[in-house]
């Protein structure tokens, strides 16, 4: 039987466990789940976190040029981020590879073909592609949405079965429950227009996204008949438990 293909998008908040540094424990948790699911699922990862990784080592200054500083931090942090993935995943017998993409790559037919061919060869040879935006030359992820859109576009290009967006909430909450300070997860979404009315514009503490960018990503995936799951990535075993429907999360079908 063919394996189900999953694109797992991990935001900065998940990777840092809402701290100021990359959590090796969280990356190990993700690796252990991927290893456990290896017989039935194949994974592609879209990972933020390069800037957060760099901030552990350096502090750059440049007055009035915040975006340029973040681009430079991304350049410094990306190798560190990949090293942490490599070290933790290789201990579990998992092979990793790095792919840096820009939104312009999705506008060129030949680039799209090259992306698909390369990633398919990597997966066929048991490598897990770890994708991030090429922040040194592009600023979209830094400014808009913490890789949510990049993950959705990649999911469509690779014809995945499920797009899992790991975030710091138990999925998408009803607006009323947030106002009452008793968050209630919307478990199933079939109408994204109705969903829009429930979503605020809050941003996450480390990342640049928010629930709105996740809805926009889900809309891109939905148009290609791809399910999107919004899951609390801060919890241990969040992928395994979502597959078993053992935790509250939002499924957009």
Protein backbone atom coordinates (compact mmCIF):
# COMPACT_ATOMS: atom_id res chain seq x y z
CA UNK A 1 0.00 0.00 0.00
CA UNK A 2 1.15 3.52 -0.75
CA UNK A 3 1.99 5.58 2.28
CA UNK A 4 -0.09 8.62 3.12
CA UNK A 5 1.89 11.80 2.54
CA UNK A 6 1.78 14.39 5.32
CA UNK A 7 3.12 17.91 5.21
CA UNK A 8 3.88 19.00 8.76
CA UNK A 9 4.24 22.73 9.29
CA UNK A 10 6.02 23.66 12.51
CA UNK A 11 5.95 27.28 13.64
CA UNK A 12 8.47 29.06 15.80
CA UNK A 13 6.25 28.89 18.88
CA UNK A 14 6.09 25.11 18.62
CA UNK A 15 9.82 24.69 18.00
CA UNK A 16 10.72 26.91 20.95
CA UNK A 17 7.89 25.65 23.19
CA UNK A 18 7.07 29.35 23.64
CA UNK A 19 10.53 30.20 25.00
CA UNK A 20 13.43 32.13 23.48
CA UNK A 21 15.37 29.12 22.23
CA UNK A 22 14.85 26.06 20.03
CA UNK A 23 13.67 23.06 22.05
CA UNK A 24 15.67 19.93 21.29
CA UNK A 25 13.07 18.00 23.26
CA UNK A 26 10.31 19.14 20.92
CA UNK A 27 12.32 18.25 17.82
CA UNK A 28 13.03 14.83 19.35
CA UNK A 29 9.30 14.42 20.09
CA UNK A 30 8.48 15.15 16.43
CA UNK A 31 11.18 12.75 15.24
CA UNK A 32 9.96 9.95 17.49
CA UNK A 33 6.43 10.32 16.12
CA UNK A 34 7.63 10.28 12.51
CA UNK A 35 9.67 7.14 13.24
CA UNK A 36 6.64 5.49 14.86
CA UNK A 37 4.47 6.27 11.82
CA UNK A 38 7.06 5.28 9.23
CA UNK A 39 5.21 2.20 7.97
CA UNK A 40 2.07 4.10 6.99
CA UNK A 41 3.06 7.75 6.53
CA UNK A 42 5.78 9.74 4.77
CA UNK A 43 6.57 13.25 5.97
CA UNK A 44 7.65 16.55 4.50
CA UNK A 45 8.37 19.27 7.06
CA UNK A 46 8.02 23.01 6.62
CA UNK A 47 9.86 24.53 9.57
CA UNK A 48 10.23 28.07 10.81
CA UNK A 49 12.69 28.88 13.59
CA UNK A 50 15.87 30.05 11.87
CA UNK A 51 15.67 33.52 13.41
CA UNK A 52 14.95 32.08 16.86
CA UNK A 53 17.92 29.72 16.46
CA UNK A 54 20.24 32.63 15.65
CA UNK A 55 19.07 34.69 18.62
CA UNK A 56 20.53 32.02 20.90
CA UNK A 57 24.01 32.84 19.60
CA UNK A 58 24.17 36.42 18.38
CA UNK A 59 22.68 39.87 18.68
CA UNK A 60 22.80 42.02 15.56
CA UNK A 61 22.25 45.76 15.44
CA UNK A 62 21.18 47.91 12.50
CA UNK A 63 19.16 51.04 13.17
CA UNK A 64 15.95 51.33 11.20
CA UNK A 65 16.52 48.12 9.24
CA UNK A 66 14.65 45.49 11.26
CA UNK A 67 13.76 43.30 8.28
CA UNK A 68 17.36 43.26 7.05
CA UNK A 69 18.54 42.27 10.53
CA UNK A 70 16.00 39.44 10.58
CA UNK A 71 17.20 38.30 7.15
CA UNK A 72 20.75 38.23 8.47
CA UNK A 73 19.64 36.36 11.59
CA UNK A 74 17.85 33.82 9.41
CA UNK A 75 21.09 33.30 7.47
CA UNK A 76 23.00 32.67 10.71
CA UNK A 77 20.31 30.55 12.31
CA UNK A 78 19.35 28.24 9.43
CA UNK A 79 22.48 26.02 9.66
CA UNK A 80 22.04 25.78 13.46
CA UNK A 81 18.38 24.82 13.03
CA UNK A 82 19.25 22.12 10.49
CA UNK A 83 22.06 20.83 12.72
CA UNK A 84 19.60 20.38 15.60
CA UNK A 85 17.15 18.54 13.33
CA UNK A 86 19.97 16.38 11.95
CA UNK A 87 21.39 15.47 15.36
CA UNK A 88 18.04 14.59 16.92
CA UNK A 89 16.58 12.80 13.90
CA UNK A 90 19.75 10.80 13.12
CA UNK A 91 19.69 9.39 16.67
CA UNK A 92 16.29 7.93 15.70
CA UNK A 93 17.55 6.55 12.39
CA UNK A 94 15.91 9.32 10.37
CA UNK A 95 17.66 11.06 7.46
CA UNK A 96 17.13 14.79 6.84
CA UNK A 97 17.66 17.17 3.94
CA UNK A 98 17.32 20.94 3.58
CA UNK A 99 15.24 22.73 0.95
CA UNK A 100 15.04 26.54 0.86
CA UNK A 101 12.17 27.93 -1.20
CA UNK A 102 10.81 31.36 -2.08
CA UNK A 103 7.30 32.29 -3.15
CA UNK A 104 8.63 33.18 -6.60
CA UNK A 105 9.48 29.49 -7.05
CA UNK A 106 5.76 28.74 -7.14
CA UNK A 107 5.22 31.17 -10.01
CA UNK A 108 7.57 29.43 -12.45
CA UNK A 109 6.51 26.15 -14.05
CA UNK A 110 10.03 24.77 -14.32
CA UNK A 111 10.80 25.64 -10.70
CA UNK A 112 7.67 23.81 -9.57
CA UNK A 113 8.65 20.74 -11.58
CA UNK A 114 12.15 20.84 -10.08
CA UNK A 115 10.77 21.09 -6.53
CA UNK A 116 8.45 18.11 -7.02
CA UNK A 117 11.13 15.97 -8.68
CA UNK A 118 13.75 16.73 -6.04
CA UNK A 119 11.46 16.14 -3.07
CA UNK A 120 10.08 12.93 -4.55
CA UNK A 121 13.61 11.55 -5.01
CA UNK A 122 14.46 12.49 -1.42
CA UNK A 123 11.36 10.74 -0.07
CA UNK A 124 11.95 7.65 -2.23
CA UNK A 125 15.39 7.41 -0.63
CA UNK A 126 14.03 7.80 2.91
CA UNK A 127 15.14 11.39 3.41
CA UNK A 128 12.79 13.80 5.17
CA UNK A 129 12.81 17.15 3.32
CA UNK A 130 12.89 20.06 5.78
CA UNK A 131 11.72 23.21 4.01
CA UNK A 132 12.03 26.82 5.07
CA UNK A 133 11.66 30.05 3.18
CA UNK A 134 14.89 31.44 1.81
CA UNK A 135 14.74 34.43 4.14
CA UNK A 136 18.09 35.81 2.99
CA UNK A 137 16.53 36.79 -0.33
CA UNK A 138 12.83 36.92 0.60
CA UNK A 139 10.90 38.52 3.45
CA UNK A 140 7.38 37.13 3.07
CA UNK A 141 7.70 34.60 5.90
CA UNK A 142 9.27 37.21 8.17
CA UNK A 143 6.48 39.68 7.51
CA UNK A 144 3.42 37.60 6.73
CA UNK A 145 2.41 34.40 8.36
CA UNK A 146 5.28 32.31 9.71
CA UNK A 147 5.42 29.90 6.75
CA UNK A 148 1.71 28.97 6.82
CA UNK A 149 1.16 29.99 3.20
CA UNK A 150 4.45 28.41 2.10
CA UNK A 151 3.33 25.15 3.74
CA UNK A 152 -0.04 25.22 1.95
CA UNK A 153 1.49 25.96 -1.47
CA UNK A 154 4.01 23.16 -0.96
CA UNK A 155 1.26 20.77 0.17
CA UNK A 156 -0.67 21.44 -3.04
CA UNK A 157 2.43 21.08 -5.22
CA UNK A 158 3.34 17.73 -3.62
CA UNK A 159 -0.26 16.46 -3.61
CA UNK A 160 -0.13 15.53 0.06
CA UNK A 161 -2.99 13.77 1.82
CA UNK A 162 -2.96 15.88 4.99
CA UNK A 163 -1.55 19.31 5.89
CA UNK A 164 -0.88 19.44 9.64
CA UNK A 165 -0.29 22.93 11.04
CA UNK A 166 1.25 22.69 14.50
CA UNK A 167 0.43 25.71 16.61
CA UNK A 168 0.10 26.72 20.28
CA UNK A 169 -3.67 26.20 20.68
CA UNK A 170 -5.92 23.13 20.62
CA UNK A 171 -7.01 24.01 17.10
CA UNK A 172 -9.37 26.88 16.29
CA UNK A 173 -11.59 28.12 19.10
CA UNK A 174 -15.10 29.53 18.92
CA UNK A 175 -15.15 33.28 19.37
CA UNK A 176 -17.69 33.09 22.20
CA UNK A 177 -15.58 30.62 24.18
CA UNK A 178 -12.50 32.86 23.90
CA UNK A 179 -14.49 35.80 25.28
CA UNK A 180 -15.61 33.55 28.16
CA UNK A 181 -12.00 32.47 28.81
CA UNK A 182 -13.00 28.81 28.39
CA UNK A 183 -11.60 27.98 24.93
CA UNK A 184 -13.71 25.49 23.00
CA UNK A 185 -12.22 23.81 19.94
CA UNK A 186 -14.13 23.69 16.67
CA UNK A 187 -13.51 20.06 15.75
CA UNK A 188 -14.77 20.02 12.16
CA UNK A 189 -14.93 22.78 9.55
CA UNK A 190 -16.57 22.38 6.16
CA UNK A 191 -17.35 26.05 5.42
CA UNK A 192 -14.33 28.35 5.64
CA UNK A 193 -16.43 31.49 5.18
CA UNK A 194 -18.32 30.70 8.38
CA UNK A 195 -14.98 29.88 9.99
CA UNK A 196 -13.66 33.36 9.19
CA UNK A 197 -16.25 34.86 11.52
CA UNK A 198 -14.80 32.91 14.44
CA UNK A 199 -11.18 33.89 13.93
CA UNK A 200 -9.44 36.86 15.51
CA UNK A 201 -6.27 38.57 14.31
CA UNK A 202 -4.03 37.63 17.23
CA UNK A 203 -0.36 36.95 16.56
CA UNK A 204 1.73 34.34 18.32
CA UNK A 205 4.46 35.40 20.75
CA UNK A 206 7.52 34.19 18.81
CA UNK A 207 6.06 33.56 15.37
CA UNK A 208 4.66 36.05 12.87
CA UNK A 209 1.46 34.22 12.11
CA UNK A 210 -1.87 33.93 13.85
CA UNK A 211 -5.03 31.98 13.29
CA UNK A 212 -5.96 34.12 10.28
CA UNK A 213 -2.88 33.00 8.35
CA UNK A 214 -3.75 29.39 9.16
CA UNK A 215 -7.26 29.83 7.76
CA UNK A 216 -5.77 31.32 4.59
CA UNK A 217 -3.42 28.35 4.33
CA UNK A 218 -6.32 25.94 4.84
CA UNK A 219 -8.23 27.67 2.03
CA UNK A 220 -5.34 27.04 -0.37
CA UNK A 221 -5.24 23.39 0.66
CA UNK A 222 -9.03 22.99 0.57
CA UNK A 223 -9.14 24.23 -3.03
CA UNK A 224 -6.91 21.27 -3.89
CA UNK A 225 -9.03 18.82 -1.84
CA UNK A 226 -6.39 18.52 0.89
CA UNK A 227 -7.46 18.19 4.53
CA UNK A 228 -5.89 20.63 6.98
CA UNK A 229 -5.49 19.81 10.66
CA UNK A 230 -4.73 22.59 13.16
CA UNK A 231 -3.16 20.83 16.14
CA UNK A 232 -1.48 21.89 19.39
CA UNK A 233 2.17 21.15 18.66
CA UNK A 234 3.24 22.02 22.20
CA UNK A 235 1.75 18.73 23.42
CA UNK A 236 3.82 15.56 23.31
CA UNK A 237 2.74 13.01 20.68
CA UNK A 238 0.43 15.56 19.03
CA UNK A 239 0.60 13.87 15.60
CA UNK A 240 -0.01 10.37 16.94
CA UNK A 241 -2.87 11.56 19.12
CA UNK A 242 -4.48 13.58 16.32
CA UNK A 243 -4.40 10.56 14.03
CA UNK A 244 -6.13 8.55 16.80
CA UNK A 245 -8.58 11.43 17.47
CA UNK A 246 -7.40 11.32 21.07
CA UNK A 247 -6.99 15.10 21.49
CA UNK A 248 -9.06 18.16 20.60
CA UNK A 249 -7.97 19.70 17.30
CA UNK A 250 -9.57 21.31 14.24
CA UNK A 251 -10.00 19.34 11.04
CA UNK A 252 -10.81 21.41 7.92
CA UNK A 253 -12.23 19.18 5.16
